[in-house]
Amino acid sequence: MDELRRIDLNLLLTLHALLTEKHVTRAAIRLHRSQPAVSHALSQLRSLFNDPLMVRKDGKMVLTVRAQSLLPSLEGALTELNEMLGSPEFDPFTAQRTFRIAMSDYAARIILPKLIGHINKVAPRIDLAISQASREMMLMQLEEGELDLALGIFPVHNEEIQKEFLFPEQFICLADRTYLPKNRDLSLEEWLERPHVMLGLKPDSVDEIEKALAAKGLKRHINVALPHWSAAVQLLPGTNLILTVASRSVCSENYHESLCQFAPPINLPGFSYMQAWHIRKERDLAHQWLRNVIKKCCEEFQLQE
């Protein structure tokens, strides 16, 4: 307890804002304080921890190794203090909070509209900050405290990351029927030779489809790789391109009349769509509420199986 006497606990709130925002002005806005006051607090924190905490690199502020190690423990400690001092119950209608959630445009299309509709009705002061990142980046941001929640496919085990199943998924193909064989399905050989559109944040992404093909010693021809679902669909009419995606990506959209769906000519294993969070968020009542809301928003997808 002696170390606590050396610090004004309000500095810890400032430290959390600085490490989360990585920007003095944004931290000041978040704290409703002046920029000079937050700059002064940063100087105090640097002296207290004997570390610069944030340094400029390639034109932006980045956290030092020491600061990165502080953030998870700091966020957990502040959450526990808030629970101890606050009400033991969570009232979504009066709560004021911003949740940082990472999801692909897939989840943004099929889950986010229903989620926003529910929150606007029962929790009008709850805000969502949505971002998009690779699976690996999502997990890193959860560990570093930059995210509250991530939606996606997370097959890798990590003791610090909690996961909850939301619904099962499977792959379907989408293409212009003009360029498909009449009265028969595409053979596997034809499917592999056709030009494919791949959805991924990086052109060299290795997704579940590529992994399944590689396991059989196969490889498809990726003609276009891009991160945007809506743009990918627009590429298909009038071309012989094939798009292989999660089935719910296409079930509720009105596409060009020439497009049709069909099953891949190879067994592509289904997958589980999940929500993931860091273990330090486990007892956060507001976080528990959000996870339950998201799970309820996905119940219809379980019934469709």
Protein backbone atom coordinates (compact mmCIF):
# COMPACT_ATOMS: atom_id res chain seq x y z
CA MET A 1 0.00 0.00 0.00
CA ASP A 2 2.98 2.32 0.43
CA GLU A 3 3.25 2.81 -3.34
CA LEU A 4 -0.34 4.11 -3.49
CA ARG A 5 0.59 7.01 -1.24
CA ARG A 6 2.92 8.28 -3.95
CA ILE A 7 0.18 8.83 -6.51
CA ASP A 8 -3.07 10.72 -6.96
CA LEU A 9 -5.50 8.03 -8.11
CA ASN A 10 -6.94 10.48 -10.65
CA LEU A 11 -3.61 10.13 -12.45
CA LEU A 12 -4.46 6.50 -13.12
CA LEU A 13 -7.59 7.57 -15.01
CA THR A 14 -5.47 9.96 -17.05
CA LEU A 15 -2.91 7.23 -17.66
CA HIS A 16 -5.63 4.89 -18.91
CA ALA A 17 -6.99 7.52 -21.31
CA LEU A 18 -3.50 8.33 -22.62
CA LEU A 19 -2.52 4.70 -23.16
CA THR A 20 -5.84 3.91 -24.82
CA GLU A 21 -6.00 6.95 -27.09
CA LYS A 22 -2.22 7.26 -27.69
CA HIS A 23 -2.84 10.95 -28.16
CA VAL A 24 -2.81 13.80 -25.63
CA THR A 25 -5.58 15.85 -27.24
CA ARG A 26 -7.93 12.88 -27.68
CA ALA A 27 -7.25 11.82 -24.10
CA ALA A 28 -8.11 15.34 -22.93
CA ILE A 29 -11.40 15.26 -24.84
CA ARG A 30 -12.21 11.86 -23.36
CA LEU A 31 -11.48 13.12 -19.84
CA HIS A 32 -13.23 16.49 -20.35
CA ARG A 33 -10.01 18.23 -19.35
CA SER A 34 -7.78 20.78 -21.02
CA GLN A 35 -4.90 19.67 -23.21
CA PRO A 36 -2.27 21.48 -21.03
CA ALA A 37 -3.62 19.72 -17.92
CA VAL A 38 -3.31 16.31 -19.55
CA SER A 39 0.19 17.17 -20.85
CA HIS A 40 1.18 18.09 -17.30
CA ALA A 41 -0.26 14.82 -16.00
CA LEU A 42 1.73 12.93 -18.64
CA SER A 43 4.92 14.56 -17.38
CA GLN A 44 4.05 13.48 -13.84
CA LEU A 45 3.34 9.93 -14.98
CA ARG A 46 6.61 9.73 -16.90
CA SER A 47 8.45 10.76 -13.77
CA LEU A 48 6.47 8.36 -11.59
CA PHE A 49 7.11 5.34 -13.82
CA ASN A 50 10.56 6.48 -14.93
CA ASP A 51 9.53 5.80 -18.50
CA PRO A 52 8.42 7.99 -21.44
CA LEU A 53 5.27 5.82 -21.79
CA MET A 54 4.53 7.25 -25.26
CA VAL A 55 7.10 8.07 -27.96
CA ARG A 56 6.75 9.44 -31.47
CA LYS A 57 7.43 6.96 -34.28
CA ASP A 58 6.69 7.39 -37.99
CA GLY A 59 4.66 10.50 -37.28
CA LYS A 60 2.43 9.06 -34.56
CA MET A 61 2.61 8.27 -30.86
CA VAL A 62 3.23 4.65 -29.87
CA LEU A 63 3.37 3.00 -26.47
CA THR A 64 6.66 1.95 -24.95
CA VAL A 65 7.11 -1.66 -23.82
CA ARG A 66 6.56 -0.51 -20.24
CA ALA A 67 3.30 1.23 -21.18
CA GLN A 68 2.05 -1.83 -23.07
CA SER A 69 2.65 -3.96 -19.98
CA LEU A 70 0.80 -1.47 -17.78
CA LEU A 71 -2.42 -1.20 -19.79
CA PRO A 72 -4.01 -4.62 -19.14
CA SER A 73 -3.40 -4.47 -15.36
CA LEU A 74 -4.48 -0.84 -15.22
CA GLU A 75 -7.75 -1.52 -17.03
CA GLY A 76 -8.50 -4.49 -14.79
CA ALA A 77 -7.74 -2.51 -11.62
CA LEU A 78 -9.89 0.44 -12.66
CA THR A 79 -12.77 -1.87 -13.53
CA GLU A 80 -12.61 -3.52 -10.12
CA LEU A 81 -12.42 -0.15 -8.35
CA ASN A 82 -15.40 1.08 -10.33
CA GLU A 83 -17.39 -2.03 -9.38
CA MET A 84 -16.43 -1.64 -5.73
CA LEU A 85 -17.44 2.02 -5.55
CA GLY A 86 -20.43 1.89 -7.87
CA SER A 87 -23.79 0.23 -7.77
CA PRO A 88 -23.72 -3.59 -7.68
CA GLU A 89 -26.32 -3.60 -10.45
CA PHE A 90 -26.11 -2.42 -14.04
CA ASP A 91 -28.96 -0.37 -15.47
CA PRO A 92 -28.57 -0.16 -19.26
CA PHE A 93 -31.12 2.65 -19.56
CA THR A 94 -29.10 5.06 -17.42
CA ALA A 95 -25.59 3.74 -18.09
CA GLN A 96 -23.22 5.91 -20.12
CA ARG A 97 -20.37 4.06 -21.80
CA THR A 98 -18.60 3.48 -25.09
CA PHE A 99 -17.78 -0.09 -26.10
CA ARG A 100 -14.99 -0.73 -28.60
CA ILE A 101 -15.92 -3.69 -30.80
CA ALA A 102 -14.02 -5.19 -33.72
CA MET A 103 -15.94 -7.02 -36.45
CA SER A 104 -15.76 -7.65 -40.17
CA ASP A 105 -18.28 -6.23 -42.60
CA TYR A 106 -19.93 -9.68 -42.45
CA ALA A 107 -20.95 -9.11 -38.81
CA ALA A 108 -21.62 -5.44 -39.51
CA ARG A 109 -24.23 -6.51 -42.07
CA ILE A 110 -25.98 -9.36 -40.26
CA ILE A 111 -25.56 -8.53 -36.54
CA LEU A 112 -24.92 -4.80 -36.14
CA PRO A 113 -28.30 -3.48 -37.38
CA LYS A 114 -30.23 -5.60 -34.88
CA LEU A 115 -27.73 -4.79 -32.12
CA ILE A 116 -27.99 -1.04 -32.72
CA GLY A 117 -31.78 -1.22 -32.86
CA HIS A 118 -31.91 -2.95 -29.47
CA ILE A 119 -29.36 -0.67 -27.80
CA ASN A 120 -31.08 2.48 -29.03
CA LYS A 121 -34.28 1.32 -27.36
CA VAL A 122 -33.02 0.03 -24.01
CA ALA A 123 -29.65 1.76 -23.54
CA PRO A 124 -29.76 5.18 -25.25
CA ARG A 125 -26.51 6.39 -23.67
CA ILE A 126 -24.46 3.34 -24.67
CA ASP A 127 -22.24 4.07 -27.68
CA LEU A 128 -20.39 1.64 -29.95
CA ALA A 129 -17.04 2.30 -31.63
CA ILE A 130 -16.73 -0.28 -34.42
CA SER A 131 -13.42 -1.18 -36.04
CA GLN A 132 -12.22 -3.81 -38.48
CA ALA A 133 -9.01 -5.81 -38.16
CA SER A 134 -7.46 -9.16 -38.93
CA ARG A 135 -8.06 -12.04 -36.54
CA GLU A 136 -4.54 -11.77 -35.19
CA MET A 137 -4.85 -8.01 -34.69
CA MET A 138 -8.19 -8.43 -32.89
CA LEU A 139 -6.65 -10.84 -30.39
CA MET A 140 -3.68 -8.55 -29.82
CA GLN A 141 -5.97 -5.55 -29.28
CA LEU A 142 -8.03 -7.54 -26.77
CA GLU A 143 -4.86 -8.44 -24.87
CA GLU A 144 -3.62 -4.85 -24.89
CA GLY A 145 -6.94 -3.42 -23.75
CA GLU A 146 -7.66 -1.54 -26.98
CA LEU A 147 -10.85 -3.54 -27.58
CA ASP A 148 -13.72 -4.57 -25.34
CA LEU A 149 -15.04 -7.28 -27.64
CA ALA A 150 -14.26 -8.94 -30.96
CA LEU A 151 -16.54 -10.94 -33.27
CA GLY A 152 -15.09 -13.50 -35.63
CA ILE A 153 -13.50 -16.94 -35.98
CA PHE A 154 -11.01 -17.68 -33.21
CA PRO A 155 -9.78 -21.29 -33.36
CA VAL A 156 -6.48 -20.58 -31.55
CA HIS A 157 -6.51 -21.25 -27.81
CA ASN A 158 -5.40 -18.44 -25.50
CA GLU A 159 -5.92 -18.75 -21.75
CA GLU A 160 -6.42 -15.00 -21.36
CA ILE A 161 -9.07 -14.77 -24.10
CA GLN A 162 -12.60 -15.94 -23.32
CA LYS A 163 -14.78 -17.08 -26.23
CA GLU A 164 -18.48 -17.75 -26.65
CA PHE A 165 -20.16 -19.57 -29.52
CA LEU A 166 -22.75 -17.47 -31.35
CA PHE A 167 -23.84 -19.59 -34.33
CA PRO A 168 -22.59 -22.13 -36.90
CA GLU A 169 -21.74 -21.17 -40.48
CA GLN A 170 -20.94 -22.81 -43.80
CA PHE A 171 -19.63 -21.74 -47.19
CA ILE A 172 -21.56 -21.20 -50.41
CA CYS A 173 -20.47 -19.95 -53.85
CA LEU A 174 -21.88 -17.04 -55.82
CA ALA A 175 -21.39 -16.51 -59.56
CA ASP A 176 -23.02 -15.28 -62.76
CA ARG A 177 -25.13 -18.20 -64.04
CA THR A 178 -24.35 -17.18 -67.64
CA TYR A 179 -20.82 -18.50 -67.13
CA LEU A 180 -21.80 -21.73 -65.40
CA PRO A 181 -22.41 -25.05 -67.19
CA LYS A 182 -26.02 -25.70 -68.16
CA ASN A 183 -27.78 -28.71 -66.58
CA ARG A 184 -24.77 -29.73 -64.50
CA ASP A 185 -22.60 -28.53 -61.64
CA LEU A 186 -19.05 -27.25 -61.91
CA SER A 187 -16.49 -30.00 -61.45
CA LEU A 188 -13.79 -29.50 -58.84
CA GLU A 189 -11.20 -29.10 -61.58
CA GLU A 190 -13.28 -26.40 -63.30
CA TRP A 191 -13.90 -24.65 -59.98
CA LEU A 192 -10.19 -24.56 -59.17
CA GLU A 193 -9.29 -23.22 -62.62
CA ARG A 194 -11.90 -20.46 -62.60
CA PRO A 195 -10.81 -17.02 -61.38
CA HIS A 196 -11.88 -16.42 -57.78
CA VAL A 197 -12.60 -13.37 -55.66
CA MET A 198 -11.14 -13.68 -52.15
CA LEU A 199 -12.31 -11.59 -49.22
CA GLY A 200 -9.53 -10.67 -46.80
CA LEU A 201 -7.97 -7.67 -45.11
CA LYS A 202 -4.64 -8.59 -46.70
CA PRO A 203 -4.08 -9.92 -50.25
CA ASP A 204 -2.02 -12.81 -48.89
CA SER A 205 -4.55 -13.83 -46.22
CA VAL A 206 -4.87 -17.55 -45.52
CA ASP A 207 -8.50 -18.12 -44.57
CA GLU A 208 -10.49 -21.28 -43.80
CA ILE A 209 -11.02 -21.93 -47.51
CA GLU A 210 -7.32 -21.78 -48.34
CA LYS A 211 -6.51 -23.99 -45.35
CA ALA A 212 -9.05 -26.61 -46.42
CA LEU A 213 -7.69 -26.65 -49.97
CA ALA A 214 -4.07 -26.77 -48.83
CA ALA A 215 -4.86 -29.76 -46.60
CA LYS A 216 -5.86 -31.62 -49.79
CA GLY A 217 -2.88 -30.34 -51.77
CA LEU A 218 -5.11 -28.04 -53.85
CA LYS A 219 -4.96 -24.36 -54.75
CA ARG A 220 -7.48 -22.10 -56.45
CA HIS A 221 -6.76 -19.16 -58.76
CA ILE A 222 -7.23 -15.90 -56.84
CA ASN A 223 -7.90 -13.28 -59.49
CA VAL A 224 -9.03 -10.49 -57.14
CA ALA A 225 -8.37 -10.12 -53.41
CA LEU A 226 -10.14 -7.33 -51.55
CA PRO A 227 -11.57 -6.57 -48.08
CA HIS A 228 -15.00 -5.25 -49.07
CA TRP A 229 -17.98 -7.61 -49.34
CA SER A 230 -20.30 -5.26 -51.24
CA ALA A 231 -17.62 -4.44 -53.81
CA ALA A 232 -16.85 -8.15 -54.27
CA VAL A 233 -20.45 -8.93 -55.20
CA GLN A 234 -20.53 -6.09 -57.72
CA LEU A 235 -17.59 -7.66 -59.58
CA LEU A 236 -19.49 -10.84 -60.42
CA PRO A 237 -22.18 -9.88 -62.98
CA GLY A 238 -20.90 -10.26 -66.54
CA THR A 239 -17.74 -12.14 -65.49
CA ASN A 240 -16.73 -15.75 -64.85
CA LEU A 241 -15.51 -14.88 -61.34
CA ILE A 242 -16.53 -17.06 -58.39
CA LEU A 243 -17.00 -15.75 -54.85
CA THR A 244 -16.99 -18.27 -51.98
CA VAL A 245 -18.31 -16.81 -48.74
CA ALA A 246 -20.19 -17.54 -45.52
CA SER A 247 -23.79 -18.43 -46.37
CA ARG A 248 -25.40 -15.66 -44.33
CA SER A 249 -23.48 -13.07 -46.32
CA VAL A 250 -25.87 -13.62 -49.20
CA CYS A 251 -29.17 -14.82 -47.74
CA SER A 252 -30.80 -11.42 -47.28
CA GLU A 253 -29.41 -9.38 -50.15
CA ASN A 254 -31.02 -8.53 -53.48
CA TYR A 255 -28.32 -9.21 -56.04
CA HIS A 256 -28.12 -8.78 -59.75
CA GLU A 257 -30.61 -11.10 -61.41
CA SER A 258 -27.84 -12.97 -63.23
CA LEU A 259 -26.24 -14.21 -60.00
CA CYS A 260 -26.93 -17.57 -58.41
CA GLN A 261 -25.78 -19.56 -55.41
CA PHE A 262 -24.37 -23.08 -55.46
CA ALA A 263 -22.47 -25.43 -53.17
CA PRO A 264 -18.68 -25.63 -53.53
CA PRO A 265 -17.61 -28.79 -55.40
CA ILE A 266 -15.38 -29.70 -52.46
CA ASN A 267 -16.20 -30.29 -48.83
CA LEU A 268 -15.34 -27.07 -47.01
CA PRO A 269 -15.79 -27.59 -43.25
CA GLY A 270 -18.24 -25.32 -41.49
CA PHE A 271 -17.06 -23.04 -38.74
CA SER A 272 -18.22 -21.44 -35.51
CA TYR A 273 -18.76 -17.70 -35.31
CA MET A 274 -17.84 -16.36 -31.88
CA GLN A 275 -17.46 -13.35 -29.66
CA ALA A 276 -14.20 -13.00 -27.73
CA TRP A 277 -13.01 -10.85 -24.84
CA HIS A 278 -10.12 -10.62 -22.39
CA ILE A 279 -10.55 -12.42 -19.08
CA ARG A 280 -10.21 -9.13 -17.18
CA LYS A 281 -13.62 -8.12 -18.61
CA GLU A 282 -15.29 -11.26 -17.26
CA ARG A 283 -16.83 -9.64 -14.15
CA ASP A 284 -17.66 -6.29 -15.77
CA LEU A 285 -21.47 -6.08 -15.44
CA ALA A 286 -21.86 -3.76 -18.42
CA HIS A 287 -19.69 -6.05 -20.51
CA GLN A 288 -21.74 -9.06 -19.44
CA TRP A 289 -24.89 -7.22 -20.49
CA LEU A 290 -23.44 -6.43 -23.94
CA ARG A 291 -22.35 -10.03 -24.51
CA ASN A 292 -25.82 -11.27 -23.61
CA VAL A 293 -27.44 -8.77 -25.98
CA ILE A 294 -25.17 -9.85 -28.84
CA LYS A 295 -25.91 -13.51 -28.15
CA LYS A 296 -29.67 -12.82 -28.25
CA CYS A 297 -29.23 -10.93 -31.54
CA CYS A 298 -27.73 -14.12 -32.99
CA GLU A 299 -30.34 -16.59 -31.73
CA GLU A 300 -32.23 -16.54 -35.03
CA PHE A 301 -29.13 -17.81 -36.84
CA GLN A 302 -29.01 -20.88 -34.59
CA LEU A 303 -32.67 -21.63 -35.37
CA GLN A 304 -31.97 -21.51 -39.10
CA GLU A 305 -29.61 -24.47 -38.94
